[in-house]
Amino acid sequence: DFSMTARPPYIIPPESGVTFEAYYEPKENGGHEANIRIVSDDPSSPHVIKLRGGLANTVAQISPGLIAKYFSINKSIKLIGQINPTNETWQAVVGNVDFPATWGGIISPYSDNFFINFKGLIKIDEEGAYDFFLTSDDGSKLLIDGNQVILNDGRHWMRLQNGSINLTTGFHNISIDYFERTGQAGIILEWKTPSGRAVVPQENLFHEASSLQPFINEINDPAGPINGGNTVIIRGSGFPKSDFKVSFADKQADIIVSDEGAIQAIAPKGNGKIRIKVSAPFGDSNLFPYSYDDNARLNEHIRINAGDGEVIDNYGNTWMPDFQSISGKSYFLKQEIEGTNNDVIYQTYRDANSTGDPIKISISLSKGEYDVNLHFAELSPASFQSNRRIFNVTAEEKQVISKLDVYAQAGKYSALVKTFPVNVSDGSLDISLNPVRGNPMISGLEVMRR
């Protein structure tokens, strides 16, 4: 027998729809664990009070959905065990894990070379043995309460693996590891219920609200210098509804926090760096690692690596990933490239999603005159012949390259660079690679202020 007493006493009227569920479990080491679950009619706001040794040490507010954290990985990864996630690039809250195979990204813009950890709580309504099904491309792993239920590891197309576990009524910790190298990506978590096999529904997946820390996924810079009235859009997750500060050169901006996880920051008069700071409830020291120096834009030199993540070339230059700027499918071939000392830039490329589709490129830039370098290398054996892949290039709605045939000009596995000037007048550089025969492709690009 055991008893629990709340001090001070809390009285919840019966008409509120709130119920208490108490559990007591003896442990193998002779200790014990007690849990009280406070459950309301509103599934978005249950609370859990965990008791150990008769003392309450955790009160956790539960929110719907699992926390999905994204990390970039290198191209040599073949198994989940080889991944040491340290470089978080994206965060989101997902209702459930139901992402059929796609050539694009899963939730985030990242489409290749990433690792996701889905983490939270799964609510079990009836005690018993549960069958789970995990389908993924590439590898995945399901853990419940730290126990491995399914291992669907390695590089493969969408493949199903299943496993079973006995679960008691209540909330259980759930964690899903998943990685994607190249090609299509997808992951689906299902379970078997009396009505049949189905995706684990949103009504059964939660996370502790305190575990969702604010995270900035992207910031869309305004066109031109930051002055009064310009708007910066900040997107991410875990933003508090108040006390979120954005400062421009130490002058606080007017901000709007939306329900879609986006913040609009209206800049005051004056130029300078953007500093994003959450002052409550996480403390003034919680600074996000993002700064924007308006003066640096006057000497812009942007390098983008098509079809892959960030790389450092042989000259020490950083080439950014293309996930926000270039459309199309990504391909990789570790092949020595002729005519360059920077093989890494040409070993990946973007190809059109479907036959007849263009490749679209969009980059946020200040107004002004720029030089653009487009980098190409033909890596596809299907195009190792003249007239197999031909395309035009337009920039700011003006054709700048006509009937480009990379193989005819450079041959296979050989670097080709095309340069042209462009005038950006609207804050965005828009380039289109339009097919004439076959699909267009691109390995990388550079944009330099003139």
Protein backbone atom coordinates (compact mmCIF):
# COMPACT_ATOMS: atom_id res chain seq x y z
CA ASP A 1 0.00 0.00 0.00
CA PHE A 2 1.07 3.57 -0.52
CA SER A 3 -0.45 7.01 -0.15
CA MET A 4 0.11 10.37 -1.82
CA THR A 5 -0.61 13.76 -0.33
CA ALA A 6 -0.48 17.09 -2.15
CA ARG A 7 0.66 20.15 -0.17
CA PRO A 8 -0.90 22.59 -0.47
CA PRO A 9 -4.08 20.68 -1.35
CA TYR A 10 -5.35 21.23 -4.89
CA ILE A 11 -9.08 20.99 -5.52
CA ILE A 12 -10.23 20.33 -9.08
CA PRO A 13 -14.01 20.39 -9.60
CA PRO A 14 -15.50 17.26 -11.22
CA GLU A 15 -17.08 19.30 -14.00
CA SER A 16 -13.61 20.32 -15.24
CA GLY A 17 -13.17 16.92 -16.89
CA VAL A 18 -9.80 16.37 -15.18
CA THR A 19 -8.97 12.92 -13.80
CA PHE A 20 -6.04 11.48 -11.85
CA GLU A 21 -4.33 8.21 -12.71
CA ALA A 22 -1.93 6.82 -10.09
CA TYR A 23 0.61 4.04 -10.73
CA TYR A 24 3.02 2.26 -8.39
CA GLU A 25 5.74 -0.06 -9.69
CA PRO A 26 8.29 -1.98 -7.58
CA LYS A 27 11.79 -1.98 -9.10
CA GLU A 28 14.27 -4.85 -9.36
CA ASN A 29 16.70 -3.10 -7.01
CA GLY A 30 14.11 -3.05 -4.22
CA GLY A 31 13.13 0.57 -4.75
CA HIS A 32 9.86 1.85 -6.07
CA GLU A 33 8.48 4.42 -8.47
CA ALA A 34 5.12 6.13 -8.36
CA ASN A 35 3.54 8.27 -11.06
CA ILE A 36 0.48 10.47 -11.06
CA ARG A 37 -0.91 11.48 -14.42
CA ILE A 38 -3.30 14.42 -14.54
CA VAL A 39 -5.38 14.10 -17.70
CA SER A 40 -7.89 16.65 -18.97
CA ASP A 41 -10.44 16.47 -21.76
CA ASP A 42 -8.12 18.68 -23.80
CA PRO A 43 -5.44 16.30 -25.18
CA SER A 44 -3.13 19.22 -25.87
CA SER A 45 -2.61 20.03 -22.20
CA PRO A 46 -2.19 16.95 -19.98
CA HIS A 47 0.42 17.09 -17.23
CA VAL A 48 2.58 14.38 -15.74
CA ILE A 49 3.90 14.40 -12.18
CA LYS A 50 6.63 11.84 -11.62
CA LEU A 51 7.34 10.69 -8.08
CA ARG A 52 10.42 8.75 -6.97
CA GLY A 53 10.79 7.49 -3.42
CA GLY A 54 7.64 9.37 -2.49
CA LEU A 55 9.08 12.78 -3.50
CA ALA A 56 7.94 14.75 -6.54
CA ASN A 57 10.95 15.79 -8.61
CA THR A 58 9.50 16.60 -12.02
CA VAL A 59 6.39 18.35 -13.23
CA ALA A 60 6.25 18.31 -17.03
CA GLN A 61 3.75 20.04 -19.28
CA ILE A 62 2.98 17.96 -22.34
CA SER A 63 2.40 19.40 -25.82
CA PRO A 64 1.24 17.61 -28.99
CA GLY A 65 3.72 16.16 -31.47
CA LEU A 66 7.30 14.88 -31.55
CA ILE A 67 10.36 17.12 -31.66
CA ALA A 68 12.34 16.52 -34.86
CA LYS A 69 15.98 17.65 -34.80
CA TYR A 70 17.96 17.69 -38.06
CA PHE A 71 21.72 17.27 -38.40
CA SER A 72 23.94 17.32 -41.48
CA ILE A 73 26.09 14.21 -42.09
CA ASN A 74 29.01 13.41 -44.36
CA LYS A 75 28.82 11.34 -47.52
CA SER A 76 30.57 8.27 -46.06
CA ILE A 77 27.75 7.36 -43.64
CA LYS A 78 26.23 3.91 -44.22
CA LEU A 79 24.86 2.98 -40.77
CA ILE A 80 23.13 4.83 -37.93
CA GLY A 81 25.88 3.75 -35.54
CA GLN A 82 28.40 5.77 -37.56
CA ILE A 83 26.53 9.02 -36.91
CA ASN A 84 27.60 11.40 -34.16
CA PRO A 85 25.03 14.20 -34.45
CA THR A 86 26.60 17.51 -33.44
CA ASN A 87 25.76 20.02 -36.19
CA GLU A 88 22.05 20.75 -35.75
CA THR A 89 20.66 22.57 -38.76
CA TRP A 90 16.88 22.48 -38.37
CA GLN A 91 14.19 21.85 -35.76
CA ALA A 92 10.47 21.24 -36.06
CA VAL A 93 7.51 19.72 -34.23
CA VAL A 94 5.69 17.01 -36.21
CA GLY A 95 2.25 15.60 -35.47
CA ASN A 96 3.29 12.09 -36.47
CA VAL A 97 5.90 10.27 -38.54
CA ASP A 98 4.20 9.84 -41.91
CA PHE A 99 6.48 10.92 -44.74
CA PRO A 100 6.14 8.85 -47.94
CA ALA A 101 9.08 8.66 -50.35
CA THR A 102 9.94 11.97 -52.01
CA TRP A 103 12.78 13.50 -53.99
CA GLY A 104 12.50 16.63 -51.86
CA GLY A 105 13.10 17.29 -48.19
CA ILE A 106 11.19 15.89 -45.22
CA ILE A 107 9.76 18.91 -43.37
CA SER A 108 12.95 20.90 -43.88
CA PRO A 109 14.43 21.93 -47.25
CA TYR A 110 17.27 19.41 -46.81
CA SER A 111 16.88 16.56 -49.31
CA ASP A 112 20.18 14.65 -48.90
CA ASN A 113 22.89 13.88 -46.35
CA PHE A 114 20.93 14.47 -43.15
CA PHE A 115 20.06 12.73 -39.88
CA ILE A 116 16.81 13.25 -37.93
CA ASN A 117 15.99 12.30 -34.36
CA PHE A 118 12.25 12.26 -33.60
CA LYS A 119 11.76 12.33 -29.84
CA GLY A 120 8.90 12.59 -27.38
CA LEU A 121 6.22 10.52 -25.65
CA ILE A 122 3.78 7.93 -26.93
CA LYS A 123 0.46 7.57 -25.10
CA ILE A 124 -0.78 4.02 -24.59
CA ASP A 125 -4.48 3.69 -23.79
CA GLU A 126 -4.59 -0.05 -23.10
CA GLU A 127 -1.93 -2.31 -21.64
CA GLY A 128 -0.69 -5.11 -23.87
CA ALA A 129 1.68 -6.22 -26.62
CA TYR A 130 2.04 -3.69 -29.45
CA ASP A 131 3.29 -4.39 -32.98
CA PHE A 132 5.14 -1.50 -34.64
CA PHE A 133 6.13 -1.09 -38.30
CA LEU A 134 8.93 1.21 -39.50
CA THR A 135 9.35 1.93 -43.22
CA SER A 136 12.24 4.13 -44.33
CA ASP A 137 14.69 5.18 -47.05
CA ASP A 138 17.53 5.09 -45.86
CA GLY A 139 18.18 3.66 -42.35
CA SER A 140 16.05 4.00 -39.21
CA LYS A 141 15.71 2.74 -35.64
CA LEU A 142 12.82 2.78 -33.13
CA LEU A 143 13.39 2.93 -29.37
CA ILE A 144 10.64 2.89 -26.72
CA ASP A 145 11.68 3.51 -23.11
CA GLY A 146 15.26 2.95 -24.27
CA ASN A 147 14.49 -0.50 -25.67
CA GLN A 148 15.26 -1.16 -29.33
CA VAL A 149 12.03 -2.28 -30.97
CA ILE A 150 13.01 -2.05 -34.65
CA LEU A 151 16.32 -1.70 -36.47
CA ASN A 152 15.92 -0.89 -40.17
CA ASP A 153 19.51 0.19 -40.75
CA GLY A 154 21.70 0.70 -43.81
CA ARG A 155 21.23 2.37 -47.17
CA HIS A 156 18.16 1.13 -49.05
CA TRP A 157 14.95 2.15 -50.77
CA MET A 158 11.68 2.33 -48.78
CA ARG A 159 11.85 -0.89 -46.74
CA LEU A 160 9.60 -2.21 -43.97
CA GLN A 161 10.78 -3.76 -40.69
CA ASN A 162 8.59 -4.59 -37.70
CA GLY A 163 8.90 -5.40 -34.00
CA SER A 164 6.82 -5.86 -30.84
CA ILE A 165 6.95 -4.62 -27.25
CA ASN A 166 4.77 -4.94 -24.14
CA LEU A 167 3.56 -1.55 -22.91
CA THR A 168 1.62 -0.46 -19.86
CA THR A 169 -1.11 2.17 -19.91
CA GLY A 170 0.21 5.73 -19.87
CA PHE A 171 3.06 7.68 -21.46
CA HIS A 172 6.30 6.10 -22.66
CA ASN A 173 9.46 7.66 -24.07
CA ILE A 174 9.83 7.22 -27.83
CA SER A 175 12.82 7.98 -30.04
CA ILE A 176 13.28 7.38 -33.77
CA ASP A 177 16.66 7.78 -35.49
CA TYR A 178 16.65 8.20 -39.26
CA PHE A 179 19.24 9.11 -41.87
CA GLU A 180 19.11 9.86 -45.59
CA ARG A 181 22.10 9.95 -47.89
CA THR A 182 21.00 10.56 -51.49
CA GLY A 183 18.06 9.85 -53.76
CA GLN A 184 14.54 9.59 -52.42
CA ALA A 185 13.80 10.05 -48.72
CA GLY A 186 10.93 8.84 -46.57
CA ILE A 187 9.96 7.42 -43.18
CA ILE A 188 6.64 6.10 -41.81
CA LEU A 189 5.86 4.80 -38.29
CA GLU A 190 2.80 2.53 -37.95
CA TRP A 191 1.28 0.25 -35.34
CA LYS A 192 -1.30 -2.51 -35.25
CA THR A 193 -4.59 -1.79 -33.51
CA PRO A 194 -7.83 -3.81 -33.31
CA SER A 195 -8.99 -1.97 -36.43
CA GLY A 196 -5.83 -2.87 -38.38
CA ARG A 197 -2.43 -1.43 -39.24
CA ALA A 198 -2.28 2.36 -39.34
CA VAL A 199 0.08 5.30 -38.91
CA VAL A 200 0.57 6.10 -35.21
CA PRO A 201 -1.85 9.05 -34.88
CA GLN A 202 -1.19 12.55 -33.63
CA GLU A 203 -3.52 11.93 -30.69
CA ASN A 204 -0.96 9.52 -29.22
CA LEU A 205 2.27 11.49 -29.71
CA PHE A 206 3.50 14.27 -27.41
CA HIS A 207 6.62 15.97 -26.12
CA GLU A 208 7.54 17.69 -22.88
CA ALA A 209 7.17 21.41 -23.52
CA SER A 210 10.34 22.21 -21.58
CA SER A 211 12.40 20.07 -23.97
CA LEU A 212 11.55 22.31 -26.95
CA GLN A 213 14.12 25.08 -26.86
CA PRO A 214 13.87 28.01 -29.30
CA PHE A 215 15.69 27.27 -32.53
CA ILE A 216 16.08 29.45 -35.60
CA ASN A 217 15.92 27.56 -38.90
CA GLU A 218 16.35 30.44 -41.31
CA ILE A 219 16.30 34.20 -41.56
CA ASN A 220 15.25 35.92 -44.76
CA ASP A 221 17.31 39.08 -45.02
CA PRO A 222 15.70 42.20 -46.43
CA ALA A 223 16.79 43.57 -49.78
CA GLY A 224 19.21 46.45 -49.47
CA PRO A 225 20.42 48.20 -46.31
CA ILE A 226 18.53 47.72 -43.06
CA ASN A 227 16.68 50.91 -42.28
CA GLY A 228 13.43 51.87 -40.63
CA GLY A 229 10.47 49.89 -41.93
CA ASN A 230 12.36 46.96 -43.50
CA THR A 231 11.21 43.54 -42.34
CA VAL A 232 13.25 40.45 -41.45
CA ILE A 233 11.36 37.13 -41.36
CA ILE A 234 12.70 34.65 -38.79
CA ARG A 235 11.45 31.05 -39.01
CA GLY A 236 11.95 28.22 -36.57
CA SER A 237 10.26 26.52 -33.64
CA GLY A 238 9.95 26.82 -29.88
CA PHE A 239 9.56 30.59 -29.94
CA PRO A 240 7.95 32.03 -26.81
CA LYS A 241 4.86 34.13 -27.36
CA SER A 242 6.43 37.09 -25.61
CA ASP A 243 9.77 38.54 -24.53
CA PHE A 244 11.42 37.76 -27.85
CA LYS A 245 13.82 40.55 -28.77
CA VAL A 246 15.45 41.47 -32.06
CA SER A 247 17.93 44.32 -32.08
CA PHE A 248 19.54 46.19 -34.95
CA ALA A 249 22.78 47.87 -33.84
CA ASP A 250 21.47 47.59 -30.26
CA LYS A 251 18.20 49.30 -31.21
CA GLN A 252 15.25 47.08 -30.40
CA ALA A 253 12.92 46.27 -33.28
CA ASP A 254 9.16 45.91 -33.28
CA ILE A 255 8.32 42.22 -33.60
CA ILE A 256 5.34 40.00 -34.31
CA VAL A 257 5.29 36.33 -33.29
CA SER A 258 2.94 34.27 -35.45
CA ASP A 259 1.36 30.90 -34.75
CA GLU A 260 3.23 29.40 -37.72
CA GLY A 261 6.61 29.64 -36.03
CA ALA A 262 7.61 32.83 -37.81
CA ILE A 263 8.67 36.19 -36.42
CA GLN A 264 8.52 39.49 -38.26
CA ALA A 265 11.08 42.02 -37.05
CA ILE A 266 10.50 45.62 -38.14
CA ALA A 267 13.82 47.44 -38.10
CA PRO A 268 14.18 50.86 -36.46
CA LYS A 269 16.27 53.61 -37.99
CA GLY A 270 19.94 52.77 -38.36
CA ASN A 271 22.07 50.00 -39.84
CA GLY A 272 24.03 47.26 -38.16
CA LYS A 273 23.98 43.69 -36.98
CA ILE A 274 20.90 41.68 -36.14
CA ARG A 275 21.08 40.06 -32.73
CA ILE A 276 18.29 37.71 -31.76
CA LYS A 277 17.79 37.21 -28.03
CA VAL A 278 15.23 35.45 -25.87
CA SER A 279 14.98 37.18 -22.51
CA ALA A 280 12.35 34.96 -20.88
CA PRO A 281 11.73 32.32 -19.76
CA PHE A 282 15.17 31.09 -20.78
CA GLY A 283 17.36 33.91 -19.51
CA ASP A 284 19.13 36.86 -21.11
CA SER A 285 22.22 34.81 -21.94
CA ASN A 286 20.40 32.71 -24.55
CA LEU A 287 21.75 34.29 -27.75
CA PHE A 288 21.16 32.66 -31.09
CA PRO A 289 24.24 32.18 -33.30
CA TYR A 290 23.18 34.51 -36.08
CA SER A 291 24.43 37.94 -37.06
CA TYR A 292 23.81 40.13 -40.06
CA ASP A 293 26.37 42.76 -40.98
CA ASP A 294 24.93 45.20 -43.49
CA ASN A 295 28.36 46.54 -44.42
CA ALA A 296 29.51 43.05 -45.44
CA ARG A 297 26.86 42.98 -48.14
CA LEU A 298 28.75 45.68 -49.99
CA ASN A 299 31.47 43.09 -50.69
CA GLU A 300 29.27 40.07 -51.34
CA HIS A 301 30.84 36.93 -52.74
CA ILE A 302 28.44 34.03 -52.47
CA ARG A 303 29.42 30.44 -53.28
CA ILE A 304 26.81 27.66 -53.45
CA ASN A 305 27.56 23.95 -53.76
CA ALA A 306 24.80 22.38 -55.88
CA GLY A 307 23.48 19.02 -54.74
CA ASP A 308 25.24 18.77 -51.38
CA GLY A 309 25.95 20.43 -48.05
CA GLU A 310 28.59 22.93 -47.02
CA VAL A 311 32.13 22.26 -48.24
CA ILE A 312 35.51 24.00 -47.99
CA ASP A 313 37.41 24.17 -51.27
CA ASN A 314 41.18 23.83 -51.71
CA TYR A 315 41.59 27.59 -51.36
CA GLY A 316 39.83 27.74 -47.99
CA ASN A 317 36.60 29.20 -49.40
CA THR A 318 33.27 28.07 -47.93
CA TRP A 319 30.60 26.89 -50.36
CA MET A 320 27.14 26.97 -48.82
CA PRO A 321 24.56 24.17 -49.18
CA ASP A 322 21.91 24.76 -51.83
CA PHE A 323 18.78 23.67 -49.93
CA GLN A 324 17.10 27.08 -50.09
CA SER A 325 18.23 28.21 -53.51
CA ILE A 326 18.36 25.51 -56.23
CA SER A 327 15.59 23.16 -57.35
CA GLY A 328 16.01 19.64 -58.72
CA LYS A 329 17.32 16.22 -57.68
CA SER A 330 20.83 15.83 -56.28
CA TYR A 331 23.48 13.39 -57.50
CA PHE A 332 26.97 12.48 -56.29
CA LEU A 333 29.89 10.69 -57.94
CA LYS A 334 33.34 10.48 -56.32
CA GLN A 335 35.32 11.00 -59.50
CA GLU A 336 38.51 12.87 -60.29
CA ILE A 337 37.61 16.00 -62.26
CA GLU A 338 39.82 17.40 -65.01
CA GLY A 339 40.53 21.11 -65.40
CA THR A 340 40.20 22.10 -61.73
CA ASN A 341 41.91 21.82 -58.35
CA ASN A 342 38.49 21.79 -56.65
CA ASP A 343 37.08 18.36 -57.46
CA VAL A 344 34.67 18.52 -54.51
CA ILE A 345 32.61 21.28 -56.17
CA TYR A 346 32.02 19.21 -59.31
CA GLN A 347 31.39 15.79 -57.75
CA THR A 348 27.78 16.69 -56.93
CA TYR A 349 25.16 18.33 -59.09
CA ARG A 350 21.48 19.15 -59.43
CA ASP A 351 19.43 17.61 -62.23
CA ALA A 352 15.85 18.56 -63.16
CA ASN A 353 13.15 16.79 -61.13
CA SER A 354 11.40 15.50 -64.25
CA THR A 355 12.01 15.51 -67.99
CA GLY A 356 11.14 18.91 -69.39
CA ASP A 357 11.44 20.71 -66.04
CA PRO A 358 13.77 23.70 -65.63
CA ILE A 359 16.15 24.17 -62.72
CA LYS A 360 15.25 27.29 -60.77
CA ILE A 361 17.78 29.28 -58.74
CA SER A 362 16.79 32.10 -56.39
CA ILE A 363 19.19 34.03 -54.15
CA SER A 364 18.41 37.00 -51.90
CA LEU A 365 20.78 39.86 -52.82
CA SER A 366 21.07 43.59 -52.39
CA LYS A 367 20.29 45.67 -55.45
CA GLY A 368 23.33 46.16 -57.67
CA GLU A 369 25.63 44.83 -60.39
CA TYR A 370 27.09 41.32 -60.08
CA ASP A 371 29.19 38.78 -61.96
CA VAL A 372 27.91 35.19 -61.92
CA ASN A 373 29.99 32.04 -62.42
CA LEU A 374 28.05 28.86 -63.19
CA HIS A 375 30.03 25.63 -62.65
CA PHE A 376 29.34 22.41 -64.57
CA ALA A 377 30.80 18.91 -64.98
CA GLU A 378 29.12 16.11 -66.93
CA LEU A 379 29.02 13.03 -64.67
CA SER A 380 26.14 11.07 -66.23
CA PRO A 381 27.14 8.31 -68.72
CA ALA A 382 23.77 8.82 -70.43
CA SER A 383 25.03 12.25 -71.53
CA PHE A 384 28.53 11.22 -72.64
CA GLN A 385 27.73 12.28 -76.18
CA SER A 386 27.13 15.62 -77.85
CA ASN A 387 23.52 16.80 -78.22
CA ARG A 388 22.28 14.62 -75.33
CA ARG A 389 21.96 17.44 -72.77
CA ILE A 390 21.35 20.97 -74.06
CA PHE A 391 19.81 23.91 -72.18
CA ASN A 392 19.50 27.70 -72.15
CA VAL A 393 20.21 29.94 -69.16
CA THR A 394 18.23 33.05 -68.27
CA ALA A 395 19.05 35.52 -65.49
CA GLU A 396 16.58 38.16 -64.36
CA GLU A 397 14.35 37.11 -67.30
CA LYS A 398 17.12 37.74 -69.87
CA GLN A 399 18.79 34.89 -71.76
CA VAL A 400 22.51 34.90 -70.98
CA ILE A 401 23.61 31.48 -72.34
CA SER A 402 22.16 29.80 -75.42
CA LYS A 403 22.12 26.04 -76.12
CA LEU A 404 24.78 25.02 -73.62
CA ASP A 405 26.10 21.47 -74.18
CA VAL A 406 28.49 20.71 -71.31
CA TYR A 407 29.83 17.48 -72.83
CA ALA A 408 30.42 19.06 -76.25
CA GLN A 409 32.44 21.88 -74.68
CA ALA A 410 34.33 20.07 -71.91
CA GLY A 411 33.88 16.29 -72.28
CA LYS A 412 33.13 13.93 -69.40
CA TYR A 413 34.41 14.43 -65.85
CA SER A 414 35.78 17.85 -66.75
CA ALA A 415 35.07 21.27 -65.22
CA LEU A 416 33.35 24.00 -67.23
CA VAL A 417 32.70 27.55 -65.97
CA LYS A 418 30.37 30.06 -67.63
CA THR A 419 30.43 33.73 -66.57
CA PHE A 420 28.00 36.58 -67.21
CA PRO A 421 27.08 39.95 -65.64
CA VAL A 422 23.67 40.63 -64.14
CA ASN A 423 21.80 43.58 -62.65
CA VAL A 424 19.68 42.81 -59.56
CA SER A 425 16.95 45.39 -59.12
CA ASP A 426 14.38 43.67 -56.89
CA GLY A 427 16.42 42.13 -54.06
CA SER A 428 16.49 38.64 -55.60
CA LEU A 429 18.71 37.05 -58.24
CA ASP A 430 16.59 34.62 -60.27
CA ILE A 431 18.25 32.22 -62.70
CA SER A 432 16.55 29.52 -64.77
CA LEU A 433 18.19 26.62 -66.63
CA ASN A 434 15.66 25.74 -69.33
CA PRO A 435 15.84 22.41 -71.20
CA VAL A 436 16.26 22.25 -74.97
CA ARG A 437 17.13 18.54 -75.06
CA GLY A 438 17.42 16.29 -72.02
CA ASN A 439 17.59 17.73 -68.52
CA PRO A 440 19.59 20.78 -67.43
CA MET A 441 22.16 20.37 -64.63
CA ILE A 442 24.45 22.50 -62.48
CA SER A 443 27.37 21.76 -60.12
CA GLY A 444 27.74 25.09 -58.35
CA LEU A 445 27.62 28.84 -58.70
CA GLU A 446 29.34 31.99 -57.48
CA VAL A 447 27.91 35.49 -57.27
CA MET A 448 30.30 38.44 -56.86
CA ARG A 449 29.45 42.12 -56.49
CA ARG A 450 31.09 44.12 -59.27
